[in-house]
Amino acid sequence: MTEEQPIGLVRLNDTDLTLARPEDDVRGATVVGSDGEEIGKIGGLIVDETERRVRLLDVESGGLLGLGAEHRLIPVDAVIAVTDDQVTIGRTRAEIAHAPGYDPDLKEHKPFDDLDELYGYYGGTPFWVPGYRYPGFPFR
């Protein structure tokens, strides 16, 4: 990417922030791929502190009671549908399984500091690039 990446992304669960649009809070929703196959659940949201908008979904899959779960960050721009309890991503389960993963427990490196690979994989325009428009979700 040609533009410098943003600072100020935080896990919503780690703050007392509220979202600019409360209906954007999809934590706990089941995530399915465009093929209808279940991917996992949204365990957390990565938000922009300034605008209080969701930028990335933390999707957890596998594991037992949260232990051993794999995590994937998915840009909100990859979302194609949202209902009260389900979020559909515009990629198949297999494609999402091959997306860059991350470990949310790493303290020495914030996994969302380097987003070029992630946005490159999903093919979306990064939100920090001039002219970016927040997606108009098909919410509930």
Protein backbone atom coordinates (compact mmCIF):
# COMPACT_ATOMS: atom_id res chain seq x y z
CA MET A 1 0.00 0.00 0.00
CA THR A 2 1.23 3.47 -0.67
CA GLU A 3 -0.29 5.28 2.29
CA GLU A 4 0.99 5.03 5.85
CA GLN A 5 -1.06 2.72 8.02
CA PRO A 6 -3.16 4.17 10.81
CA ILE A 7 -2.64 4.13 14.50
CA GLY A 8 -5.39 4.04 17.05
CA LEU A 9 -6.89 0.62 16.42
CA VAL A 10 -7.98 -1.14 19.60
CA ARG A 11 -9.91 -4.20 20.61
CA LEU A 12 -13.35 -2.99 21.67
CA ASN A 13 -13.35 -5.54 24.52
CA ASP A 14 -10.26 -3.82 25.99
CA THR A 15 -11.83 -0.36 26.17
CA ASP A 16 -14.85 1.45 27.52
CA LEU A 17 -15.62 2.86 24.07
CA THR A 18 -19.04 2.58 22.50
CA LEU A 19 -19.54 2.28 18.76
CA ALA A 20 -20.76 5.21 16.70
CA ARG A 21 -23.58 2.90 15.51
CA PRO A 22 -24.62 0.40 18.20
CA GLU A 23 -26.08 -1.91 15.55
CA ASP A 24 -22.51 -2.52 14.30
CA ASP A 25 -21.82 -4.58 17.43
CA VAL A 26 -21.93 -8.11 16.05
CA ARG A 27 -19.91 -9.83 18.79
CA GLY A 28 -21.07 -13.39 19.32
CA ALA A 29 -22.60 -13.71 15.85
CA THR A 30 -21.91 -16.82 13.78
CA VAL A 31 -19.75 -16.17 10.73
CA VAL A 32 -20.45 -18.04 7.50
CA GLY A 33 -18.68 -17.98 4.18
CA SER A 34 -20.26 -17.18 0.83
CA ASP A 35 -20.66 -20.95 0.38
CA GLY A 36 -22.91 -21.08 3.48
CA GLU A 37 -20.38 -23.03 5.55
CA GLU A 38 -19.78 -21.94 9.13
CA ILE A 39 -16.41 -20.29 9.82
CA GLY A 40 -16.68 -19.53 13.53
CA LYS A 41 -17.94 -16.81 15.86
CA ILE A 42 -17.07 -13.16 16.23
CA GLY A 43 -15.11 -12.99 19.45
CA GLY A 44 -14.16 -9.36 19.22
CA LEU A 45 -14.14 -6.19 17.19
CA ILE A 46 -11.15 -4.05 16.25
CA VAL A 47 -12.24 -0.42 16.17
CA ASP A 48 -10.86 2.94 15.21
CA GLU A 49 -10.63 4.92 18.46
CA THR A 50 -11.31 8.25 16.80
CA GLU A 51 -14.28 7.39 14.60
CA ARG A 52 -15.52 4.53 16.83
CA ARG A 53 -16.18 2.40 13.74
CA VAL A 54 -15.54 -1.30 13.39
CA ARG A 55 -12.60 -1.91 11.05
CA LEU A 56 -11.87 -5.62 11.60
CA LEU A 57 -13.75 -8.64 12.91
CA ASP A 58 -11.88 -11.09 15.17
CA VAL A 59 -13.30 -14.44 14.08
CA GLU A 60 -12.58 -17.42 16.34
CA SER A 61 -12.87 -21.02 15.21
CA GLY A 62 -12.07 -24.39 16.72
CA GLY A 63 -10.73 -24.88 20.19
CA LEU A 64 -12.58 -25.78 23.36
CA LEU A 65 -13.95 -23.06 25.63
CA GLY A 66 -11.70 -20.54 23.92
CA LEU A 67 -8.53 -22.60 24.36
CA GLY A 68 -6.70 -23.52 21.18
CA ALA A 69 -9.01 -21.45 18.99
CA GLU A 70 -7.65 -20.09 15.73
CA HIS A 71 -8.18 -16.40 15.02
CA ARG A 72 -8.62 -14.54 11.76
CA LEU A 73 -9.00 -10.82 11.29
CA ILE A 74 -11.50 -10.03 8.57
CA PRO A 75 -11.98 -6.48 7.27
CA VAL A 76 -15.55 -5.24 7.59
CA ASP A 77 -15.40 -4.53 3.86
CA ALA A 78 -15.55 -8.31 3.26
CA VAL A 79 -18.98 -8.54 4.93
CA ILE A 80 -21.82 -9.05 2.46
CA ALA A 81 -24.78 -9.65 4.82
CA VAL A 82 -25.68 -9.27 8.49
CA THR A 83 -28.67 -10.60 10.39
CA ASP A 84 -29.35 -10.60 14.13
CA ASP A 85 -27.19 -13.66 14.70
CA GLN A 86 -25.16 -14.22 11.51
CA VAL A 87 -22.51 -12.40 9.48
CA THR A 88 -21.78 -13.56 5.93
CA ILE A 89 -18.35 -12.96 4.42
CA GLY A 90 -17.85 -12.67 0.65
CA ARG A 91 -15.33 -15.51 0.63
CA THR A 92 -15.69 -19.28 1.01
CA ARG A 93 -14.75 -21.10 4.18
CA ALA A 94 -11.66 -22.53 2.43
CA GLU A 95 -10.53 -19.06 1.32
CA ILE A 96 -10.92 -17.68 4.82
CA ALA A 97 -9.02 -20.65 6.26
CA HIS A 98 -6.04 -19.63 4.12
CA ALA A 99 -6.22 -15.95 5.11
CA PRO A 100 -3.50 -14.55 7.36
CA GLY A 101 -4.06 -15.56 10.98
CA TYR A 102 -2.93 -13.93 14.17
CA ASP A 103 -2.45 -14.57 17.85
CA PRO A 104 -4.40 -12.08 19.97
CA ASP A 105 -2.31 -12.97 23.03
CA LEU A 106 0.98 -11.67 21.61
CA LYS A 107 1.83 -8.63 23.70
CA GLU A 108 5.02 -7.51 21.96
CA HIS A 109 3.37 -7.04 18.56
CA LYS A 110 -0.08 -5.72 17.85
CA PRO A 111 -1.41 -7.95 15.07
CA PHE A 112 -3.28 -5.09 13.47
CA ASP A 113 -0.20 -2.88 13.10
CA ASP A 114 0.67 -4.57 9.79
CA LEU A 115 -2.46 -4.73 7.69
CA ASP A 116 -1.02 -4.66 4.16
CA GLU A 117 -1.00 -8.46 3.84
CA LEU A 118 -4.53 -8.75 5.21
CA TYR A 119 -6.05 -6.13 2.91
CA GLY A 120 -4.03 -7.53 0.01
CA TYR A 121 -5.53 -10.97 0.64
CA TYR A 122 -9.11 -9.71 0.75
CA GLY A 123 -8.55 -7.24 -2.09
CA GLY A 124 -10.30 -4.35 -0.41
CA THR A 125 -9.32 -0.72 -0.22
CA PRO A 126 -7.73 -0.07 3.17
CA PHE A 127 -9.70 2.34 5.33
CA TRP A 128 -6.69 4.63 5.81
CA VAL A 129 -6.35 5.39 2.08
CA PRO A 130 -7.79 8.75 0.99
CA GLY A 131 -11.20 8.36 -0.65
CA TYR A 132 -12.14 5.24 1.35
CA ARG A 133 -15.85 4.94 2.10
CA TYR A 134 -17.19 2.93 5.00
CA PRO A 135 -19.27 0.04 3.66
CA GLY A 136 -23.03 0.41 3.55
CA PHE A 137 -23.90 -2.85 5.22
CA PRO A 138 -27.14 -4.68 4.60
CA PHE A 139 -27.88 -4.55 8.31
CA ARG A 140 -30.76 -6.34 9.91
